[in-house]
PDB file of N, CA and C in Angstrom:
ATOM      1  N   UNK A   1     -15.928 -63.172  16.173  1.00  0.00           N
ATOM      2  CA  UNK A   1     -16.777 -64.146  16.834  1.00  0.00           C
ATOM      3  C   UNK A   1     -15.854 -65.232  17.503  1.00  0.00           C
ATOM      4  N   UNK A   2     -16.450 -65.646  18.197  1.00  0.00           N
ATOM      5  CA  UNK A   2     -15.164 -66.614  19.266  1.00  0.00           C
ATOM      6  C   UNK A   2     -16.112 -67.627  19.149  1.00  0.00           C
ATOM      7  N   UNK A   3     -14.906 -68.800  18.782  1.00  0.00           N
ATOM      8  CA  UNK A   3     -15.114 -70.046  18.666  1.00  0.00           C
ATOM      9  C   UNK A   3     -15.186 -71.200  20.046  1.00  0.00           C
ATOM     10  N   UNK A   4     -16.085 -71.328  20.092  1.00  0.00           N
ATOM     11  CA  UNK A   4     -16.069 -72.414  21.734  1.00  0.00           C
ATOM     12  C   UNK A   4     -15.951 -73.755  21.239  1.00  0.00           C
ATOM     13  N   UNK A   5     -14.886 -73.915  22.216  1.00  0.00           N
ATOM     14  CA  UNK A   5     -14.393 -75.511  22.204  1.00  0.00           C
ATOM     15  C   UNK A   5     -15.500 -76.561  22.515  1.00  0.00           C
ATOM     16  N   UNK A   6     -16.025 -77.554  21.539  1.00  0.00           N
ATOM     17  CA  UNK A   6     -16.646 -78.745  22.192  1.00  0.00           C
ATOM     18  C   UNK A   6     -16.548 -79.404  22.982  1.00  0.00           C
ATOM     19  N   UNK A   7     -15.114 -79.659  23.224  1.00  0.00           N
ATOM     20  CA  UNK A   7     -15.105 -80.686  24.640  1.00  0.00           C
ATOM     21  C   UNK A   7     -13.563 -80.613  24.960  1.00  0.00           C
ATOM     22  N   UNK A   8     -13.275 -80.866  26.454  1.00  0.00           N
ATOM     23  CA  UNK A   8     -12.293 -80.557  27.451  1.00  0.00           C
ATOM     24  C   UNK A   8     -12.476 -82.017  27.652  1.00  0.00           C
ATOM     25  N   UNK A   9     -10.806 -81.825  28.335  1.00  0.00           N
ATOM     26  CA  UNK A   9     -11.035 -82.959  29.370  1.00  0.00           C
ATOM     27  C   UNK A   9     -10.974 -82.311  30.980  1.00  0.00           C
ATOM     28  N   UNK A  10     -11.476 -83.127  31.346  1.00  0.00           N
ATOM     29  CA  UNK A  10     -11.159 -82.346  33.126  1.00  0.00           C
ATOM     30  C   UNK A  10     -10.583 -83.191  34.014  1.00  0.00           C
ATOM     31  N   UNK A  11      -9.484 -83.012  34.777  1.00  0.00           N
ATOM     32  CA  UNK A  11      -9.222 -83.915  35.488  1.00  0.00           C
ATOM     33  C   UNK A  11      -9.400 -83.285  36.940  1.00  0.00           C
ATOM     34  N   UNK A  12      -9.285 -84.168  38.103  1.00  0.00           N
ATOM     35  CA  UNK A  12      -9.356 -83.886  39.117  1.00  0.00           C
ATOM     36  C   UNK A  12      -8.154 -84.661  40.054  1.00  0.00           C
ATOM     37  N   UNK A  13      -7.721 -83.402  40.682  1.00  0.00           N
ATOM     38  CA  UNK A  13      -5.804 -83.953  41.238  1.00  0.00           C
ATOM     39  C   UNK A  13      -6.168 -83.530  42.553  1.00  0.00           C
ATOM     40  N   UNK A  14      -5.090 -84.074  43.354  1.00  0.00           N
ATOM     41  CA  UNK A  14      -5.152 -83.432  44.845  1.00  0.00           C
ATOM     42  C   UNK A  14      -4.666 -82.089  44.529  1.00  0.00           C
ATOM     43  N   UNK A  15      -5.030 -81.305  45.471  1.00  0.00           N
ATOM     44  CA  UNK A  15      -4.548 -79.710  45.403  1.00  0.00           C
ATOM     45  C   UNK A  15      -3.208 -79.556  45.610  1.00  0.00           C
ATOM     46  N   UNK A  16      -2.164 -80.322  46.232  1.00  0.00           N
ATOM     47  CA  UNK A  16      -0.985 -80.004  46.425  1.00  0.00           C
ATOM     48  C   UNK A  16      -0.060 -80.289  45.359  1.00  0.00           C
ATOM     49  N   UNK A  17      -1.036 -80.323  44.196  1.00  0.00           N
ATOM     50  CA  UNK A  17      -0.619 -80.629  42.779  1.00  0.00           C
ATOM     51  C   UNK A  17      -0.386 -79.237  41.865  1.00  0.00           C
ATOM     52  N   UNK A  18      -1.013 -78.004  42.825  1.00  0.00           N
ATOM     53  CA  UNK A  18      -1.073 -76.690  42.021  1.00  0.00           C
ATOM     54  C   UNK A  18       0.489 -76.189  41.940  1.00  0.00           C
ATOM     55  N   UNK A  19       0.796 -75.302  41.283  1.00  0.00           N
ATOM     56  CA  UNK A  19       1.917 -74.584  40.912  1.00  0.00           C
ATOM     57  C   UNK A  19       3.245 -75.738  40.373  1.00  0.00           C
ATOM     58  N   UNK A  20       2.542 -76.609  39.863  1.00  0.00           N
ATOM     59  CA  UNK A  20       3.398 -78.036  39.338  1.00  0.00           C
ATOM     60  C   UNK A  20       4.043 -77.374  37.889  1.00  0.00           C
ATOM     61  N   UNK A  21       4.984 -77.436  37.695  1.00  0.00           N
ATOM     62  CA  UNK A  21       5.509 -77.091  36.318  1.00  0.00           C
ATOM     63  C   UNK A  21       4.889 -78.063  35.267  1.00  0.00           C
ATOM     64  N   UNK A  22       5.132 -77.221  33.996  1.00  0.00           N
ATOM     65  CA  UNK A  22       4.344 -78.453  33.400  1.00  0.00           C
ATOM     66  C   UNK A  22       2.809 -78.504  32.685  1.00  0.00           C
ATOM     67  N   UNK A  23       2.543 -79.133  31.822  1.00  0.00           N
ATOM     68  CA  UNK A  23       0.938 -79.251  32.054  1.00  0.00           C
ATOM     69  C   UNK A  23       0.837 -80.430  32.918  1.00  0.00           C
ATOM     70  N   UNK A  24      -1.000 -80.048  32.969  1.00  0.00           N
ATOM     71  CA  UNK A  24      -0.924 -81.632  34.064  1.00  0.00           C
ATOM     72  C   UNK A  24      -0.791 -82.896  32.694  1.00  0.00           C
ATOM     73  N   UNK A  25      -1.021 -84.050  34.071  1.00  0.00           N
ATOM     74  CA  UNK A  25      -0.717 -85.335  33.048  1.00  0.00           C
ATOM     75  C   UNK A  25      -1.910 -86.299  33.464  1.00  0.00           C
ATOM     76  N   UNK A  26      -2.555 -86.730  32.473  1.00  0.00           N
ATOM     77  CA  UNK A  26      -3.901 -87.323  32.615  1.00  0.00           C
ATOM     78  C   UNK A  26      -3.587 -88.322  33.539  1.00  0.00           C
ATOM     79  N   UNK A  27      -2.678 -89.390  33.765  1.00  0.00           N
ATOM     80  CA  UNK A  27      -2.099 -90.087  34.123  1.00  0.00           C
ATOM     81  C   UNK A  27      -2.473 -90.138  35.559  1.00  0.00           C
ATOM     82  N   UNK A  28      -1.879 -88.779  35.967  1.00  0.00           N
ATOM     83  CA  UNK A  28      -1.544 -88.701  37.601  1.00  0.00           C
ATOM     84  C   UNK A  28      -3.095 -88.107  38.095  1.00  0.00           C
ATOM     85  N   UNK A  29      -4.145 -87.938  37.551  1.00  0.00           N
ATOM     86  CA  UNK A  29      -5.292 -87.744  37.954  1.00  0.00           C
ATOM     87  C   UNK A  29      -6.277 -88.626  38.835  1.00  0.00           C
ATOM     88  N   UNK A  30      -6.438 -88.366  39.934  1.00  0.00           N
ATOM     89  CA  UNK A  30      -7.592 -89.344  40.823  1.00  0.00           C
ATOM     90  C   UNK A  30      -8.528 -89.767  39.644  1.00  0.00           C
ATOM     91  N   UNK A  31      -9.384 -88.952  38.859  1.00  0.00           N
ATOM     92  CA  UNK A  31     -10.485 -88.788  37.755  1.00  0.00           C
ATOM     93  C   UNK A  31     -10.188 -87.991  36.900  1.00  0.00           C
ATOM     94  N   UNK A  32     -11.251 -88.418  35.771  1.00  0.00           N
ATOM     95  CA  UNK A  32     -10.554 -87.676  34.781  1.00  0.00           C
ATOM     96  C   UNK A  32     -12.006 -87.742  33.751  1.00  0.00           C
ATOM     97  N   UNK A  33     -12.726 -86.979  33.053  1.00  0.00           N
ATOM     98  CA  UNK A  33     -13.594 -86.599  32.169  1.00  0.00           C
ATOM     99  C   UNK A  33     -13.487 -85.663  30.759  1.00  0.00           C
ATOM    100  N   UNK A  34     -14.270 -86.819  29.926  1.00  0.00           N
ATOM    101  CA  UNK A  34     -14.085 -85.469  28.721  1.00  0.00           C
ATOM    102  C   UNK A  34     -15.485 -85.239  28.807  1.00  0.00           C
ATOM    103  N   UNK A  35     -15.537 -83.895  28.879  1.00  0.00           N
ATOM    104  CA  UNK A  35     -16.802 -83.612  28.813  1.00  0.00           C
ATOM    105  C   UNK A  35     -17.137 -82.547  27.564  1.00  0.00           C
ATOM    106  N   UNK A  36     -18.542 -82.387  26.759  1.00  0.00           N
ATOM    107  CA  UNK A  36     -18.975 -81.844  26.056  1.00  0.00           C
ATOM    108  C   UNK A  36     -19.529 -80.579  26.103  1.00  0.00           C
ATOM    109  N   UNK A  37     -19.736 -79.822  25.157  1.00  0.00           N
ATOM    110  CA  UNK A  37     -20.749 -78.837  25.322  1.00  0.00           C
ATOM    111  C   UNK A  37     -22.103 -78.939  25.167  1.00  0.00           C
ATOM    112  N   UNK A  38     -22.905 -78.760  25.928  1.00  0.00           N
ATOM    113  CA  UNK A  38     -24.459 -78.727  26.014  1.00  0.00           C
ATOM    114  C   UNK A  38     -25.124 -77.571  25.098  1.00  0.00           C
ATOM    115  N   UNK A  39     -24.487 -76.715  25.185  1.00  0.00           N
ATOM    116  CA  UNK A  39     -25.305 -76.025  24.312  1.00  0.00           C
ATOM    117  C   UNK A  39     -26.103 -74.847  24.987  1.00  0.00           C
ATOM    118  N   UNK A  40     -25.856 -74.831  26.251  1.00  0.00           N
ATOM    119  CA  UNK A  40     -26.370 -74.299  27.339  1.00  0.00           C
ATOM    120  C   UNK A  40     -25.251 -73.214  28.130  1.00  0.00           C
ATOM    121  N   UNK A  41     -25.636 -72.393  28.494  1.00  0.00           N
ATOM    122  CA  UNK A  41     -24.711 -71.202  29.215  1.00  0.00           C
ATOM    123  C   UNK A  41     -25.162 -71.209  30.800  1.00  0.00           C
ATOM    124  N   UNK A  42     -23.951 -71.627  31.505  1.00  0.00           N
ATOM    125  CA  UNK A  42     -24.341 -71.905  33.047  1.00  0.00           C
ATOM    126  C   UNK A  42     -24.324 -70.560  33.814  1.00  0.00           C
ATOM    127  N   UNK A  43     -24.771 -70.947  35.129  1.00  0.00           N
ATOM    128  CA  UNK A  43     -25.184 -69.426  35.801  1.00  0.00           C
ATOM    129  C   UNK A  43     -24.281 -68.796  36.109  1.00  0.00           C
ATOM    130  N   UNK A  44     -22.997 -69.233  35.845  1.00  0.00           N
ATOM    131  CA  UNK A  44     -21.180 -68.212  36.002  1.00  0.00           C
ATOM    132  C   UNK A  44     -21.481 -67.581  34.410  1.00  0.00           C
ATOM    133  N   UNK A  45     -22.205 -67.754  33.572  1.00  0.00           N
ATOM    134  CA  UNK A  45     -22.260 -66.784  31.890  1.00  0.00           C
ATOM    135  C   UNK A  45     -21.348 -67.934  31.271  1.00  0.00           C
ATOM    136  N   UNK A  46     -20.936 -68.689  31.787  1.00  0.00           N
ATOM    137  CA  UNK A  46     -19.759 -69.513  30.687  1.00  0.00           C
ATOM    138  C   UNK A  46     -20.493 -70.568  29.869  1.00  0.00           C
ATOM    139  N   UNK A  47     -19.832 -70.789  29.239  1.00  0.00           N
ATOM    140  CA  UNK A  47     -20.522 -72.553  28.387  1.00  0.00           C
ATOM    141  C   UNK A  47     -20.872 -73.637  29.457  1.00  0.00           C
ATOM    142  N   UNK A  48     -21.420 -74.459  29.247  1.00  0.00           N
ATOM    143  CA  UNK A  48     -21.898 -75.422  30.478  1.00  0.00           C
ATOM    144  C   UNK A  48     -21.309 -76.891  29.409  1.00  0.00           C
ATOM    145  N   UNK A  49     -20.649 -77.777  29.825  1.00  0.00           N
ATOM    146  CA  UNK A  49     -20.167 -78.888  29.702  1.00  0.00           C
ATOM    147  C   UNK A  49     -20.220 -79.707  30.629  1.00  0.00           C
ATOM    148  N   UNK A  50     -20.763 -81.125  30.242  1.00  0.00           N
ATOM    149  CA  UNK A  50     -21.141 -82.414  31.199  1.00  0.00           C
ATOM    150  C   UNK A  50     -20.767 -83.463  30.108  1.00  0.00           C
ATOM    151  N   UNK A  51     -20.530 -84.659  31.049  1.00  0.00           N
ATOM    152  CA  UNK A  51     -19.754 -86.142  30.815  1.00  0.00           C
ATOM    153  C   UNK A  51     -19.170 -86.699  31.927  1.00  0.00           C
ATOM    154  N   UNK A  52     -19.990 -88.097  31.617  1.00  0.00           N
ATOM    155  CA  UNK A  52     -18.800 -89.101  32.446  1.00  0.00           C
ATOM    156  C   UNK A  52     -19.242 -88.581  34.088  1.00  0.00           C
ATOM    157  N   UNK A  53     -20.284 -88.268  34.323  1.00  0.00           N
ATOM    158  CA  UNK A  53     -20.453 -87.389  36.226  1.00  0.00           C
ATOM    159  C   UNK A  53     -19.889 -86.067  36.283  1.00  0.00           C
ATOM    160  N   UNK A  54     -19.561 -85.418  35.465  1.00  0.00           N
ATOM    161  CA  UNK A  54     -19.225 -83.985  35.691  1.00  0.00           C
ATOM    162  C   UNK A  54     -19.904 -83.007  35.084  1.00  0.00           C
ATOM    163  N   UNK A  55     -20.117 -82.181  35.538  1.00  0.00           N
ATOM    164  CA  UNK A  55     -20.995 -80.846  34.866  1.00  0.00           C
ATOM    165  C   UNK A  55     -19.959 -79.587  35.158  1.00  0.00           C
ATOM    166  N   UNK A  56     -20.000 -78.574  34.251  1.00  0.00           N
ATOM    167  CA  UNK A  56     -18.980 -77.668  34.539  1.00  0.00           C
ATOM    168  C   UNK A  56     -19.013 -76.870  34.030  1.00  0.00           C
ATOM    169  N   UNK A  57     -18.990 -75.602  34.155  1.00  0.00           N
ATOM    170  CA  UNK A  57     -19.193 -73.911  33.588  1.00  0.00           C
ATOM    171  C   UNK A  57     -17.700 -73.878  33.263  1.00  0.00           C
ATOM    172  N   UNK A  58     -17.018 -73.648  32.054  1.00  0.00           N
ATOM    173  CA  UNK A  58     -15.327 -73.548  31.861  1.00  0.00           C
ATOM    174  C   UNK A  58     -15.602 -72.105  30.528  1.00  0.00           C
ATOM    175  N   UNK A  59     -14.639 -71.489  30.996  1.00  0.00           N
ATOM    176  CA  UNK A  59     -14.215 -70.562  30.478  1.00  0.00           C
ATOM    177  C   UNK A  59     -13.436 -70.942  29.390  1.00  0.00           C
ATOM    178  N   UNK A  60     -14.161 -70.696  28.131  1.00  0.00           N
ATOM    179  CA  UNK A  60     -13.226 -71.697  27.344  1.00  0.00           C
ATOM    180  C   UNK A  60     -11.596 -70.836  26.806  1.00  0.00           C
ATOM    181  N   UNK A  61     -11.231 -69.489  26.778  1.00  0.00           N
ATOM    182  CA  UNK A  61     -10.156 -68.914  26.585  1.00  0.00           C
ATOM    183  C   UNK A  61      -9.342 -69.063  27.751  1.00  0.00           C
ATOM    184  N   UNK A  62      -9.715 -69.337  28.764  1.00  0.00           N
ATOM    185  CA  UNK A  62      -8.447 -69.672  29.957  1.00  0.00           C
ATOM    186  C   UNK A  62      -8.213 -70.962  30.068  1.00  0.00           C
ATOM    187  N   UNK A  63      -9.594 -71.299  30.317  1.00  0.00           N
ATOM    188  CA  UNK A  63      -9.603 -72.645  30.785  1.00  0.00           C
ATOM    189  C   UNK A  63     -10.169 -72.724  32.380  1.00  0.00           C
ATOM    190  N   UNK A  64     -10.331 -71.710  32.855  1.00  0.00           N
ATOM    191  CA  UNK A  64     -10.936 -71.523  33.923  1.00  0.00           C
ATOM    192  C   UNK A  64     -12.210 -72.360  34.145  1.00  0.00           C
ATOM    193  N   UNK A  65     -12.288 -73.126  35.371  1.00  0.00           N
ATOM    194  CA  UNK A  65     -13.777 -73.433  35.913  1.00  0.00           C
ATOM    195  C   UNK A  65     -14.345 -72.947  36.789  1.00  0.00           C
ATOM    196  N   UNK A  66     -15.207 -72.308  36.586  1.00  0.00           N
ATOM    197  CA  UNK A  66     -16.413 -71.430  37.028  1.00  0.00           C
ATOM    198  C   UNK A  66     -17.007 -71.918  37.745  1.00  0.00           C
ATOM    199  N   UNK A  67     -17.802 -73.431  37.402  1.00  0.00           N
ATOM    200  CA  UNK A  67     -18.510 -74.253  38.813  1.00  0.00           C
ATOM    201  C   UNK A  67     -18.088 -75.577  37.685  1.00  0.00           C
ATOM    202  N   UNK A  68     -18.610 -76.379  39.179  1.00  0.00           N
ATOM    203  CA  UNK A  68     -18.169 -77.695  38.986  1.00  0.00           C
ATOM    204  C   UNK A  68     -18.950 -78.513  39.904  1.00  0.00           C
ATOM    205  N   UNK A  69     -19.756 -79.697  39.144  1.00  0.00           N
ATOM    206  CA  UNK A  69     -20.310 -81.068  39.934  1.00  0.00           C
ATOM    207  C   UNK A  69     -19.785 -82.227  39.602  1.00  0.00           C
ATOM    208  N   UNK A  70     -19.149 -82.730  40.514  1.00  0.00           N
ATOM    209  CA  UNK A  70     -19.045 -84.506  39.962  1.00  0.00           C
ATOM    210  C   UNK A  70     -19.946 -85.267  40.932  1.00  0.00           C
ATOM    211  N   UNK A  71     -20.248 -86.111  40.116  1.00  0.00           N
ATOM    212  CA  UNK A  71     -21.661 -86.599  40.816  1.00  0.00           C
ATOM    213  C   UNK A  71     -22.485 -86.243  40.916  1.00  0.00           C
ATOM    214  N   UNK A  72     -23.045 -84.938  40.949  1.00  0.00           N
ATOM    215  CA  UNK A  72     -24.251 -84.282  41.289  1.00  0.00           C
ATOM    216  C   UNK A  72     -23.598 -83.293  42.758  1.00  0.00           C
ATOM    217  N   UNK A  73     -22.211 -83.464  43.046  1.00  0.00           N
ATOM    218  CA  UNK A  73     -21.895 -82.936  44.203  1.00  0.00           C
ATOM    219  C   UNK A  73     -20.866 -81.784  44.066  1.00  0.00           C
ATOM    220  N   UNK A  74     -20.736 -81.154  44.747  1.00  0.00           N
ATOM    221  CA  UNK A  74     -19.592 -79.668  45.059  1.00  0.00           C
ATOM    222  C   UNK A  74     -18.220 -80.755  45.100  1.00  0.00           C
ATOM    223  N   UNK A  75     -16.949 -79.973  44.783  1.00  0.00           N
ATOM    224  CA  UNK A  75     -15.611 -80.323  44.802  1.00  0.00           C
ATOM    225  C   UNK A  75     -15.511 -80.635  46.544  1.00  0.00           C
ATOM    226  N   UNK A  76     -14.769 -81.991  46.832  1.00  0.00           N
ATOM    227  CA  UNK A  76     -14.256 -81.608  48.352  1.00  0.00           C
ATOM    228  C   UNK A  76     -13.363 -80.799  48.481  1.00  0.00           C
ATOM    229  N   UNK A  77     -12.946 -80.918  49.863  1.00  0.00           N
ATOM    230  CA  UNK A  77     -11.645 -79.650  50.101  1.00  0.00           C
ATOM    231  C   UNK A  77     -10.292 -80.780  49.884  1.00  0.00           C
ATOM    232  N   UNK A  78      -9.356 -79.766  49.883  1.00  0.00           N
ATOM    233  CA  UNK A  78      -8.363 -80.929  49.213  1.00  0.00           C
ATOM    234  C   UNK A  78      -8.111 -81.397  47.856  1.00  0.00           C
ATOM    235  N   UNK A  79      -8.872 -81.014  47.092  1.00  0.00           N
ATOM    236  CA  UNK A  79      -8.995 -81.753  45.791  1.00  0.00           C
ATOM    237  C   UNK A  79      -8.933 -80.311  44.780  1.00  0.00           C
ATOM    238  N   UNK A  80      -8.469 -80.466  43.484  1.00  0.00           N
ATOM    239  CA  UNK A  80      -8.732 -79.104  42.606  1.00  0.00           C
ATOM    240  C   UNK A  80      -9.003 -80.189  41.250  1.00  0.00           C
ATOM    241  N   UNK A  81      -9.217 -79.169  40.276  1.00  0.00           N
ATOM    242  CA  UNK A  81      -9.388 -79.681  38.821  1.00  0.00           C
ATOM    243  C   UNK A  81      -8.174 -78.863  37.951  1.00  0.00           C
ATOM    244  N   UNK A  82      -8.034 -79.501  36.578  1.00  0.00           N
ATOM    245  CA  UNK A  82      -7.149 -78.769  35.507  1.00  0.00           C
ATOM    246  C   UNK A  82      -8.027 -79.017  34.440  1.00  0.00           C
ATOM    247  N   UNK A  83      -8.107 -78.090  33.358  1.00  0.00           N
ATOM    248  CA  UNK A  83      -8.600 -78.718  32.045  1.00  0.00           C
ATOM    249  C   UNK A  83      -7.921 -77.929  31.127  1.00  0.00           C
ATOM    250  N   UNK A  84      -8.064 -79.517  29.815  1.00  0.00           N
ATOM    251  CA  UNK A  84      -6.927 -79.489  29.116  1.00  0.00           C
ATOM    252  C   UNK A  84      -7.721 -79.452  28.088  1.00  0.00           C
ATOM    253  N   UNK A  85      -6.945 -79.325  26.651  1.00  0.00           N
ATOM    254  CA  UNK A  85      -7.831 -79.776  25.533  1.00  0.00           C
ATOM    255  C   UNK A  85      -8.237 -81.429  25.475  1.00  0.00           C
ATOM    256  N   UNK A  86      -9.209 -81.604  24.808  1.00  0.00           N
ATOM    257  CA  UNK A  86      -9.629 -83.724  25.254  1.00  0.00           C
ATOM    258  C   UNK A  86      -8.872 -84.211  23.910  1.00  0.00           C
ATOM    259  N   UNK A  87      -8.030 -84.956  24.133  1.00  0.00           N
ATOM    260  CA  UNK A  87      -7.391 -85.964  23.214  1.00  0.00           C
ATOM    261  C   UNK A  87      -8.440 -86.860  22.212  1.00  0.00           C
ATOM    262  N   UNK A  88      -8.446 -86.939  20.779  1.00  0.00           N
ATOM    263  CA  UNK A  88      -8.749 -87.828  20.205  1.00  0.00           C
ATOM    264  C   UNK A  88      -7.914 -88.885  20.012  1.00  0.00           C
ATOM    265  N   UNK A  89      -8.703 -89.892  19.261  1.00  0.00           N
ATOM    266  CA  UNK A  89      -7.805 -91.176  19.035  1.00  0.00           C
ATOM    267  C   UNK A  89      -7.393 -92.193  20.126  1.00  0.00           C
TER     268      UNK A  89
END
């Protein structure tokens, strides 16, 4: 049985940061949002997470975003997202 994480942090970053060494830094994101599991499965087949204007289908094992809406819109060209474990406290 796989345990699905209940929250992630999504970082919206310029696409040119892809391939950067090390983990993404929340302080370098253009926007970030902590998203919580909704209990639904998205059209991609992965769990749906939502919060702070972002809605995403995220593969909990690889942290790959399979679908994403930001304020109800698709991601603009030149932008990318990273998913990290949500920080507490």
